[in-house]
Amino acid sequence: MSKQEMREEADRLIREAMARKTVVVKQGNTRIEAVCGKCGAPNRLQAEKGARRVKFACKECGHKQETL
């Protein structure tokens, strides 16, 4: 089975499952990987559904800022 055939099979199975209503799709919170503007440390944040910008304090230096 080639890659294209496997993709088509997967798409067909997904369409059938959605038609049977056995698969439920939910929208939840978003995880954002932000970098501190002061010290450059990575920070992992959770944003509510529909939120554009999230205020946070860096876990390393405590600098208060907002995501882009």
C-alpha atoms as a PDB file:
ATOM      1  CA  MET A   1       0.000   0.000   0.000  1.00  0.00           C
ATOM      2  CA  SER A   2       1.482   3.335  -1.041  1.00  0.00           C
ATOM      3  CA  LYS A   3       1.419   6.490   1.066  1.00  0.00           C
ATOM      4  CA  GLN A   4      -1.279   8.012  -1.130  1.00  0.00           C
ATOM      5  CA  GLU A   5      -3.486   4.928  -0.715  1.00  0.00           C
ATOM      6  CA  MET A   6      -2.963   5.008   3.072  1.00  0.00           C
ATOM      7  CA  ARG A   7      -3.963   8.700   3.175  1.00  0.00           C
ATOM      8  CA  GLU A   8      -7.089   8.002   1.150  1.00  0.00           C
ATOM      9  CA  GLU A   9      -7.987   5.073   3.431  1.00  0.00           C
ATOM     10  CA  ALA A  10      -7.499   7.225   6.548  1.00  0.00           C
ATOM     11  CA  ASP A  11      -9.638  10.014   5.061  1.00  0.00           C
ATOM     12  CA  ARG A  12     -12.374   7.520   4.190  1.00  0.00           C
ATOM     13  CA  LEU A  13     -12.361   6.074   7.716  1.00  0.00           C
ATOM     14  CA  ILE A  14     -12.547   9.550   9.261  1.00  0.00           C
ATOM     15  CA  ARG A  15     -15.455  10.546   7.008  1.00  0.00           C
ATOM     16  CA  GLU A  16     -17.328   7.344   7.913  1.00  0.00           C
ATOM     17  CA  ALA A  17     -16.760   7.878  11.655  1.00  0.00           C
ATOM     18  CA  MET A  18     -17.954  11.487  11.436  1.00  0.00           C
ATOM     19  CA  ALA A  19     -21.056  10.359   9.525  1.00  0.00           C
ATOM     20  CA  ARG A  20     -21.870   7.821  12.255  1.00  0.00           C
ATOM     21  CA  LYS A  21     -21.469  10.554  14.922  1.00  0.00           C
ATOM     22  CA  THR A  22     -19.160   8.335  16.989  1.00  0.00           C
ATOM     23  CA  VAL A  23     -16.379  10.924  16.996  1.00  0.00           C
ATOM     24  CA  VAL A  24     -16.877  14.128  18.987  1.00  0.00           C
ATOM     25  CA  VAL A  25     -14.693  17.134  18.179  1.00  0.00           C
ATOM     26  CA  LYS A  26     -14.190  19.577  21.050  1.00  0.00           C
ATOM     27  CA  GLN A  27     -12.447  22.908  21.169  1.00  0.00           C
ATOM     28  CA  GLY A  28     -10.493  23.591  24.303  1.00  0.00           C
ATOM     29  CA  ASN A  29      -7.735  25.753  25.682  1.00  0.00           C
ATOM     30  CA  THR A  30      -4.650  26.541  23.628  1.00  0.00           C
ATOM     31  CA  ARG A  31      -1.103  25.924  24.814  1.00  0.00           C
ATOM     32  CA  ILE A  32       1.369  28.650  23.857  1.00  0.00           C
ATOM     33  CA  GLU A  33       5.146  28.342  23.918  1.00  0.00           C
ATOM     34  CA  ALA A  34       6.337  31.891  24.710  1.00  0.00           C
ATOM     35  CA  VAL A  35       9.873  33.213  25.129  1.00  0.00           C
ATOM     36  CA  CYS A  36      10.644  35.850  27.740  1.00  0.00           C
ATOM     37  CA  GLY A  37      11.561  39.203  26.215  1.00  0.00           C
ATOM     38  CA  LYS A  38      14.008  39.973  29.023  1.00  0.00           C
ATOM     39  CA  CYS A  39      15.952  36.775  29.744  1.00  0.00           C
ATOM     40  CA  GLY A  40      14.949  34.539  26.798  1.00  0.00           C
ATOM     41  CA  ALA A  41      13.664  31.663  28.943  1.00  0.00           C
ATOM     42  CA  PRO A  42      10.952  29.431  27.462  1.00  0.00           C
ATOM     43  CA  ASN A  43       7.510  29.601  29.114  1.00  0.00           C
ATOM     44  CA  ARG A  44       4.504  27.342  28.505  1.00  0.00           C
ATOM     45  CA  LEU A  45       1.141  29.094  28.895  1.00  0.00           C
ATOM     46  CA  GLN A  46      -2.498  28.117  28.564  1.00  0.00           C
ATOM     47  CA  ALA A  47      -4.864  30.498  26.806  1.00  0.00           C
ATOM     48  CA  GLU A  48      -8.632  30.329  26.929  1.00  0.00           C
ATOM     49  CA  LYS A  49     -10.492  29.619  23.712  1.00  0.00           C
ATOM     50  CA  GLY A  50     -10.696  32.815  21.660  1.00  0.00           C
ATOM     51  CA  ALA A  51      -8.082  34.745  23.677  1.00  0.00           C
ATOM     52  CA  ARG A  52      -5.760  36.855  21.510  1.00  0.00           C
ATOM     53  CA  ARG A  53      -3.151  37.913  24.077  1.00  0.00           C
ATOM     54  CA  VAL A  54      -2.300  36.363  27.418  1.00  0.00           C
ATOM     55  CA  LYS A  55      -0.604  38.192  30.283  1.00  0.00           C
ATOM     56  CA  PHE A  56       2.056  36.188  32.112  1.00  0.00           C
ATOM     57  CA  ALA A  57       5.096  36.492  34.340  1.00  0.00           C
ATOM     58  CA  CYS A  58       8.325  34.738  33.338  1.00  0.00           C
ATOM     59  CA  LYS A  59       9.041  31.642  35.416  1.00  0.00           C
ATOM     60  CA  GLU A  60      12.768  32.440  35.520  1.00  0.00           C
ATOM     61  CA  CYS A  61      13.051  36.188  36.125  1.00  0.00           C
ATOM     62  CA  GLY A  62       9.458  37.181  36.999  1.00  0.00           C
ATOM     63  CA  HIS A  63       9.236  39.826  34.249  1.00  0.00           C
ATOM     64  CA  LYS A  64       5.559  40.639  33.587  1.00  0.00           C
ATOM     65  CA  GLN A  65       4.591  40.712  29.905  1.00  0.00           C
ATOM     66  CA  GLU A  66       2.005  39.801  27.298  1.00  0.00           C
ATOM     67  CA  THR A  67       2.133  37.248  24.474  1.00  0.00           C
ATOM     68  CA  LEU A  68       1.986  38.368  20.856  1.00  0.00           C
END
